[in-house]
Amino acid sequence: YTMGWFRQVPGKEREFVAVDTWSRGDTYYTDSVK
């Protein structure tokens, strides 16, 4: 599986943080945590 991390604060949408894609083994990060 592709596995991802998201975060959420009250009153806000769940936000992407980081992902490790299964298909190609690539990783991606949101700019604020890179």
All heavy atoms as atom14 arrays in JSON, in Angstrom:
{
  "sequence": "YTMGWFRQVPGKEREFVAVDTWSRGDTYYTDSVK",
  "atom14_mask": [
    [1, 1, 1, 1, 1, 1, 1, 1, 1, 1, 1, 1, 0, 0],
    [1, 1, 1, 1, 1, 1, 1, 0, 0, 0, 0, 0, 0, 0],
    [1, 1, 1, 1, 1, 1, 1, 1, 0, 0, 0, 0, 0, 0],
    [1, 1, 1, 1, 0, 0, 0, 0, 0, 0, 0, 0, 0, 0],
    [1, 1, 1, 1, 1, 1, 1, 1, 1, 1, 1, 1, 1, 1],
    [1, 1, 1, 1, 1, 1, 1, 1, 1, 1, 1, 0, 0, 0],
    [1, 1, 1, 1, 1, 1, 1, 1, 1, 1, 1, 0, 0, 0],
    [1, 1, 1, 1, 1, 1, 1, 1, 1, 0, 0, 0, 0, 0],
    [1, 1, 1, 1, 1, 1, 1, 0, 0, 0, 0, 0, 0, 0],
    [1, 1, 1, 1, 1, 1, 1, 0, 0, 0, 0, 0, 0, 0],
    [1, 1, 1, 1, 0, 0, 0, 0, 0, 0, 0, 0, 0, 0],
    [1, 1, 1, 1, 1, 1, 1, 1, 1, 0, 0, 0, 0, 0],
    [1, 1, 1, 1, 1, 1, 1, 1, 1, 0, 0, 0, 0, 0],
    [1, 1, 1, 1, 1, 1, 1, 1, 1, 1, 1, 0, 0, 0],
    [1, 1, 1, 1, 1, 1, 1, 1, 1, 0, 0, 0, 0, 0],
    [1, 1, 1, 1, 1, 1, 1, 1, 1, 1, 1, 0, 0, 0],
    [1, 1, 1, 1, 1, 1, 1, 0, 0, 0, 0, 0, 0, 0],
    [1, 1, 1, 1, 1, 0, 0, 0, 0, 0, 0, 0, 0, 0],
    [1, 1, 1, 1, 1, 1, 1, 0, 0, 0, 0, 0, 0, 0],
    [1, 1, 1, 1, 1, 1, 1, 1, 0, 0, 0, 0, 0, 0],
    [1, 1, 1, 1, 1, 1, 1, 0, 0, 0, 0, 0, 0, 0],
    [1, 1, 1, 1, 1, 1, 1, 1, 1, 1, 1, 1, 1, 1],
    [1, 1, 1, 1, 1, 1, 0, 0, 0, 0, 0, 0, 0, 0],
    [1, 1, 1, 1, 1, 1, 1, 1, 1, 1, 1, 0, 0, 0],
    [1, 1, 1, 1, 0, 0, 0, 0, 0, 0, 0, 0, 0, 0],
    [1, 1, 1, 1, 1, 1, 1, 1, 0, 0, 0, 0, 0, 0],
    [1, 1, 1, 1, 1, 1, 1, 0, 0, 0, 0, 0, 0, 0],
    [1, 1, 1, 1, 1, 1, 1, 1, 1, 1, 1, 1, 0, 0],
    [1, 1, 1, 1, 1, 1, 1, 1, 1, 1, 1, 1, 0, 0],
    [1, 1, 1, 1, 1, 1, 1, 0, 0, 0, 0, 0, 0, 0],
    [1, 1, 1, 1, 1, 1, 1, 1, 0, 0, 0, 0, 0, 0],
    [1, 1, 1, 1, 1, 1, 0, 0, 0, 0, 0, 0, 0, 0],
    [1, 1, 1, 1, 1, 1, 1, 0, 0, 0, 0, 0, 0, 0],
    [1, 1, 1, 1, 1, 1, 1, 1, 1, 0, 0, 0, 0, 0]
  ],
  "atom14_positions": [
    [[0.82, -1.2, 0.0], [0.0, 0.0, 0.0], [0.85, 1.25, 0.0], [1.94, 1.28, 0.57], [-0.9, 0.05, 1.24], [-2.11, -0.85, 1.16], [-2.02, -2.19, 1.53], [-3.33, -0.35, 0.73], [-3.13, -3.01, 1.45], [-4.44, -1.17, 0.65], [-4.34, -2.5, 1.02], [-5.44, -3.32, 0.95], [0.0, 0.0, 0.0], [0.0, 0.0, 0.0]],
    [[0.33, 2.27, -0.63], [0.81, 3.61, -0.39], [0.39, 4.04, 1.02], [-0.76, 3.83, 1.42], [0.24, 4.59, -1.43], [0.86, 4.35, -2.69], [0.45, 6.03, -1.02], [0.0, 0.0, 0.0], [0.0, 0.0, 0.0], [0.0, 0.0, 0.0], [0.0, 0.0, 0.0], [0.0, 0.0, 0.0], [0.0, 0.0, 0.0], [0.0, 0.0, 0.0]],
    [[1.31, 4.6, 1.77], [1.04, 5.02, 3.14], [1.3, 6.52, 3.27], [2.34, 7.01, 2.85], [1.92, 4.26, 4.13], [1.71, 2.75, 4.11], [0.03, 2.27, 4.61], [-0.03, 2.89, 6.29], [0.0, 0.0, 0.0], [0.0, 0.0, 0.0], [0.0, 0.0, 0.0], [0.0, 0.0, 0.0], [0.0, 0.0, 0.0], [0.0, 0.0, 0.0]],
    [[0.33, 7.2, 3.86], [0.42, 8.64, 4.01], [0.16, 9.1, 5.43], [-0.48, 8.4, 6.22], [0.0, 0.0, 0.0], [0.0, 0.0, 0.0], [0.0, 0.0, 0.0], [0.0, 0.0, 0.0], [0.0, 0.0, 0.0], [0.0, 0.0, 0.0], [0.0, 0.0, 0.0], [0.0, 0.0, 0.0], [0.0, 0.0, 0.0], [0.0, 0.0, 0.0]],
    [[0.67, 10.28, 5.73], [0.4, 10.96, 7.0], [-0.32, 12.26, 6.71], [0.08, 13.03, 5.82], [1.69, 11.25, 7.77], [2.31, 10.05, 8.41], [3.31, 9.27, 7.92], [1.97, 9.5, 9.69], [3.61, 8.27, 8.81], [2.8, 8.38, 9.9], [1.04, 9.84, 10.67], [2.73, 7.61, 11.05], [0.97, 9.06, 11.82], [1.8, 7.97, 12.0]],
    [[-1.39, 12.5, 7.47], [-2.17, 13.72, 7.4], [-2.32, 14.28, 8.81], [-2.12, 13.57, 9.79], [-3.55, 13.47, 6.79], [-3.52, 13.13, 5.32], [-3.04, 11.91, 4.88], [-3.99, 14.04, 4.38], [-3.02, 11.59, 3.53], [-3.98, 13.74, 3.03], [-3.49, 12.52, 2.6], [0.0, 0.0, 0.0], [0.0, 0.0, 0.0], [0.0, 0.0, 0.0]],
    [[-2.7, 15.55, 8.89], [-2.95, 16.15, 10.21], [-4.17, 17.06, 10.13], [-4.53, 17.56, 9.07], [-1.73, 16.92, 10.72], [-1.33, 18.11, 9.87], [0.02, 18.65, 10.34], [0.44, 19.81, 9.57], [1.62, 20.39, 9.67], [2.52, 19.92, 10.52], [1.92, 21.44, 8.92], [0.0, 0.0, 0.0], [0.0, 0.0, 0.0], [0.0, 0.0, 0.0]],
    [[-4.79, 17.27, 11.28], [-6.01, 18.04, 11.33], [-6.11, 18.78, 12.66], [-5.8, 18.23, 13.71], [-7.22, 17.12, 11.17], [-8.54, 17.83, 10.98], [-9.64, 16.88, 10.56], [-9.57, 15.68, 10.82], [-10.66, 17.41, 9.91], [0.0, 0.0, 0.0], [0.0, 0.0, 0.0], [0.0, 0.0, 0.0], [0.0, 0.0, 0.0], [0.0, 0.0, 0.0]],
    [[-6.55, 20.04, 12.58], [-6.83, 20.84, 13.76], [-8.31, 21.16, 13.76], [-8.97, 21.13, 12.71], [-5.98, 22.13, 13.8], [-4.5, 21.8, 13.85], [-6.29, 23.01, 12.59], [0.0, 0.0, 0.0], [0.0, 0.0, 0.0], [0.0, 0.0, 0.0], [0.0, 0.0, 0.0], [0.0, 0.0, 0.0], [0.0, 0.0, 0.0], [0.0, 0.0, 0.0]],
    [[-8.9, 21.48, 14.92], [-10.33, 21.76, 14.97], [-10.75, 22.86, 14.02], [-10.09, 23.91, 13.93], [-10.57, 22.16, 16.43], [-9.48, 21.47, 17.18], [-8.29, 21.49, 16.26], [0.0, 0.0, 0.0], [0.0, 0.0, 0.0], [0.0, 0.0, 0.0], [0.0, 0.0, 0.0], [0.0, 0.0, 0.0], [0.0, 0.0, 0.0], [0.0, 0.0, 0.0]],
    [[-11.83, 22.62, 13.29], [-12.36, 23.6, 12.37], [-11.67, 23.68, 11.02], [-12.05, 24.52, 10.2], [0.0, 0.0, 0.0], [0.0, 0.0, 0.0], [0.0, 0.0, 0.0], [0.0, 0.0, 0.0], [0.0, 0.0, 0.0], [0.0, 0.0, 0.0], [0.0, 0.0, 0.0], [0.0, 0.0, 0.0], [0.0, 0.0, 0.0], [0.0, 0.0, 0.0]],
    [[-10.68, 22.83, 10.77], [-9.94, 22.86, 9.52], [-10.03, 21.5, 8.83], [-10.32, 20.48, 9.46], [-8.47, 23.21, 9.76], [-8.24, 24.5, 10.51], [-8.23, 25.69, 9.57], [-6.83, 25.97, 9.09], [-6.76, 27.2, 8.26], [0.0, 0.0, 0.0], [0.0, 0.0, 0.0], [0.0, 0.0, 0.0], [0.0, 0.0, 0.0], [0.0, 0.0, 0.0]],
    [[-9.78, 21.52, 7.53], [-9.76, 20.28, 6.76], [-8.52, 19.47, 7.09], [-7.49, 20.02, 7.5], [-9.8, 20.58, 5.26], [-11.05, 21.28, 4.78], [-12.26, 20.38, 4.86], [-12.11, 19.16, 4.64], [-13.35, 20.9, 5.14], [0.0, 0.0, 0.0], [0.0, 0.0, 0.0], [0.0, 0.0, 0.0], [0.0, 0.0, 0.0], [0.0, 0.0, 0.0]],
    [[-8.64, 18.17, 6.92], [-7.49, 17.31, 7.1], [-6.44, 17.64, 6.04], [-6.75, 17.71, 4.85], [-7.9, 15.84, 7.02], [-6.82, 14.87, 7.47], [-7.38, 13.46, 7.68], [-8.34, 13.42, 8.76], [-8.88, 12.3, 9.23], [-8.54, 11.13, 8.72], [-9.77, 12.36, 10.22], [0.0, 0.0, 0.0], [0.0, 0.0, 0.0], [0.0, 0.0, 0.0]],
    [[-5.2, 17.84, 6.47], [-4.14, 18.36, 5.63], [-3.09, 17.29, 5.34], [-2.64, 16.58, 6.25], [-3.48, 19.56, 6.33], [-2.27, 20.13, 5.6], [-1.47, 21.1, 6.46], [-1.54, 20.99, 7.71], [-0.78, 21.96, 5.89], [0.0, 0.0, 0.0], [0.0, 0.0, 0.0], [0.0, 0.0, 0.0], [0.0, 0.0, 0.0], [0.0, 0.0, 0.0]],
    [[-2.69, 17.22, 4.1], [-1.62, 16.32, 3.71], [-0.3, 16.72, 4.36], [0.04, 17.91, 4.41], [-1.46, 16.32, 2.18], [-0.2, 15.68, 1.7], [-0.06, 14.31, 1.7], [0.86, 16.46, 1.25], [1.11, 13.71, 1.26], [2.03, 15.87, 0.81], [2.14, 14.49, 0.81], [0.0, 0.0, 0.0], [0.0, 0.0, 0.0], [0.0, 0.0, 0.0]],
    [[0.46, 15.73, 4.83], [1.77, 15.96, 5.42], [2.87, 15.26, 4.63], [3.82, 15.88, 4.18], [1.82, 15.52, 6.89], [3.22, 15.71, 7.46], [0.8, 16.31, 7.72], [0.0, 0.0, 0.0], [0.0, 0.0, 0.0], [0.0, 0.0, 0.0], [0.0, 0.0, 0.0], [0.0, 0.0, 0.0], [0.0, 0.0, 0.0], [0.0, 0.0, 0.0]],
    [[2.74, 13.95, 4.47], [3.79, 13.16, 3.82], [3.19, 11.88, 3.29], [2.21, 11.36, 3.82], [4.93, 12.84, 4.79], [0.0, 0.0, 0.0], [0.0, 0.0, 0.0], [0.0, 0.0, 0.0], [0.0, 0.0, 0.0], [0.0, 0.0, 0.0], [0.0, 0.0, 0.0], [0.0, 0.0, 0.0], [0.0, 0.0, 0.0], [0.0, 0.0, 0.0]],
    [[3.81, 11.32, 2.24], [3.35, 10.06, 1.67], [4.54, 9.29, 1.12], [5.48, 9.88, 0.58], [2.28, 10.29, 0.58], [2.83, 11.08, -0.6], [1.69, 8.96, 0.12], [0.0, 0.0, 0.0], [0.0, 0.0, 0.0], [0.0, 0.0, 0.0], [0.0, 0.0, 0.0], [0.0, 0.0, 0.0], [0.0, 0.0, 0.0], [0.0, 0.0, 0.0]],
    [[4.48, 7.98, 1.28], [5.41, 7.05, 0.66], [4.59, 6.2, -0.29], [3.83, 5.34, 0.13], [6.1, 6.19, 1.72], [7.1, 5.21, 1.15], [7.41, 5.28, -0.05], [7.58, 4.35, 1.91], [0.0, 0.0, 0.0], [0.0, 0.0, 0.0], [0.0, 0.0, 0.0], [0.0, 0.0, 0.0], [0.0, 0.0, 0.0], [0.0, 0.0, 0.0]],
    [[4.73, 6.46, -1.59], [3.91, 5.78, -2.58], [4.43, 4.38, -2.84], [5.63, 4.16, -3.01], [3.88, 6.57, -3.9], [5.2, 6.68, -4.43], [3.3, 7.95, -3.69], [0.0, 0.0, 0.0], [0.0, 0.0, 0.0], [0.0, 0.0, 0.0], [0.0, 0.0, 0.0], [0.0, 0.0, 0.0], [0.0, 0.0, 0.0], [0.0, 0.0, 0.0]],
    [[3.5, 3.41, -2.87], [3.89, 2.03, -3.1], [4.27, 1.8, -4.55], [5.19, 1.04, -4.84], [2.72, 1.11, -2.72], [2.97, -0.3, -3.09], [3.7, -1.22, -2.39], [2.51, -0.98, -4.27], [3.72, -2.43, -3.05], [2.99, -2.31, -4.21], [1.72, -0.59, -5.35], [2.72, -3.24, -5.2], [1.46, -1.53, -6.34], [1.94, -2.83, -6.26]],
    [[3.56, 2.44, -5.49], [3.7, 2.12, -6.9], [5.11, 2.36, -7.42], [5.63, 1.57, -8.21], [2.7, 2.92, -7.72], [2.87, 4.32, -7.53], [0.0, 0.0, 0.0], [0.0, 0.0, 0.0], [0.0, 0.0, 0.0], [0.0, 0.0, 0.0], [0.0, 0.0, 0.0], [0.0, 0.0, 0.0], [0.0, 0.0, 0.0], [0.0, 0.0, 0.0]],
    [[5.75, 3.43, -6.99], [7.09, 3.77, -7.47], [8.1, 3.96, -6.35], [9.28, 4.17, -6.63], [7.05, 5.02, -8.34], [6.19, 4.9, -9.59], [6.66, 5.84, -10.66], [6.68, 7.22, -10.21], [7.43, 8.18, -10.75], [8.23, 7.89, -11.77], [7.38, 9.41, -10.28], [0.0, 0.0, 0.0], [0.0, 0.0, 0.0], [0.0, 0.0, 0.0]],
    [[7.67, 3.92, -5.11], [8.57, 4.15, -4.0], [8.97, 5.59, -3.8], [9.97, 5.86, -3.12], [0.0, 0.0, 0.0], [0.0, 0.0, 0.0], [0.0, 0.0, 0.0], [0.0, 0.0, 0.0], [0.0, 0.0, 0.0], [0.0, 0.0, 0.0], [0.0, 0.0, 0.0], [0.0, 0.0, 0.0], [0.0, 0.0, 0.0], [0.0, 0.0, 0.0]],
    [[8.23, 6.52, -4.39], [8.53, 7.94, -4.23], [7.91, 8.47, -2.94], [6.88, 7.99, -2.48], [7.99, 8.74, -5.41], [8.66, 8.38, -6.72], [9.86, 8.02, -6.69], [8.01, 8.46, -7.77], [0.0, 0.0, 0.0], [0.0, 0.0, 0.0], [0.0, 0.0, 0.0], [0.0, 0.0, 0.0], [0.0, 0.0, 0.0], [0.0, 0.0, 0.0]],
    [[8.54, 9.49, -2.39], [8.01, 10.18, -1.22], [7.73, 11.63, -1.56], [8.44, 12.25, -2.37], [8.97, 10.1, -0.02], [10.23, 10.69, -0.39], [9.19, 8.66, 0.39], [0.0, 0.0, 0.0], [0.0, 0.0, 0.0], [0.0, 0.0, 0.0], [0.0, 0.0, 0.0], [0.0, 0.0, 0.0], [0.0, 0.0, 0.0], [0.0, 0.0, 0.0]],
    [[6.69, 12.18, -0.93], [6.31, 13.57, -1.12], [5.99, 14.18, 0.23], [5.5, 13.49, 1.13], [5.1, 13.7, -2.05], [5.28, 13.07, -3.41], [4.79, 11.81, -3.67], [5.93, 13.76, -4.42], [4.96, 11.22, -4.91], [6.1, 13.18, -5.68], [5.61, 11.91, -5.92], [5.78, 11.35, -7.15], [0.0, 0.0, 0.0], [0.0, 0.0, 0.0]],
    [[6.24, 15.48, 0.36], [5.99, 16.2, 1.59], [5.33, 17.53, 1.28], [5.6, 18.15, 0.24], [7.29, 16.47, 2.36], [8.04, 15.24, 2.76], [8.98, 14.66, 1.91], [7.82, 14.64, 4.0], [9.67, 13.52, 2.28], [8.51, 13.5, 4.38], [9.43, 12.95, 3.51], [10.12, 11.82, 3.88], [0.0, 0.0, 0.0], [0.0, 0.0, 0.0]],
    [[4.48, 17.97, 2.19], [3.98, 19.31, 2.08], [5.11, 20.29, 2.37], [6.04, 19.98, 3.13], [2.78, 19.54, 3.02], [2.13, 20.76, 2.7], [3.23, 19.57, 4.47], [0.0, 0.0, 0.0], [0.0, 0.0, 0.0], [0.0, 0.0, 0.0], [0.0, 0.0, 0.0], [0.0, 0.0, 0.0], [0.0, 0.0, 0.0], [0.0, 0.0, 0.0]],
    [[5.06, 21.46, 1.76], [6.18, 22.4, 1.83], [6.53, 22.78, 3.27], [7.71, 22.98, 3.59], [5.87, 23.66, 1.03], [5.93, 23.44, -0.47], [6.51, 22.42, -0.9], [5.41, 24.29, -1.21], [0.0, 0.0, 0.0], [0.0, 0.0, 0.0], [0.0, 0.0, 0.0], [0.0, 0.0, 0.0], [0.0, 0.0, 0.0], [0.0, 0.0, 0.0]],
    [[5.55, 22.89, 4.13], [5.79, 23.38, 5.47], [6.6, 22.41, 6.34], [7.15, 22.82, 7.37], [4.47, 23.71, 6.17], [3.68, 22.55, 6.33], [0.0, 0.0, 0.0], [0.0, 0.0, 0.0], [0.0, 0.0, 0.0], [0.0, 0.0, 0.0], [0.0, 0.0, 0.0], [0.0, 0.0, 0.0], [0.0, 0.0, 0.0], [0.0, 0.0, 0.0]],
    [[6.69, 21.14, 5.95], [7.44, 20.16, 6.74], [8.67, 19.65, 6.02], [9.45, 18.89, 6.6], [6.56, 18.98, 7.17], [5.28, 19.46, 7.83], [6.24, 18.06, 5.99], [0.0, 0.0, 0.0], [0.0, 0.0, 0.0], [0.0, 0.0, 0.0], [0.0, 0.0, 0.0], [0.0, 0.0, 0.0], [0.0, 0.0, 0.0], [0.0, 0.0, 0.0]],
    [[8.85, 20.03, 4.77], [9.97, 19.54, 3.97], [11.29, 19.89, 4.64], [11.52, 21.03, 5.04], [9.9, 20.11, 2.56], [10.73, 19.37, 1.54], [10.41, 19.87, 0.12], [8.97, 19.58, -0.26], [8.66, 20.0, -1.65], [0.0, 0.0, 0.0], [0.0, 0.0, 0.0], [0.0, 0.0, 0.0], [0.0, 0.0, 0.0], [0.0, 0.0, 0.0]]
  ]
}
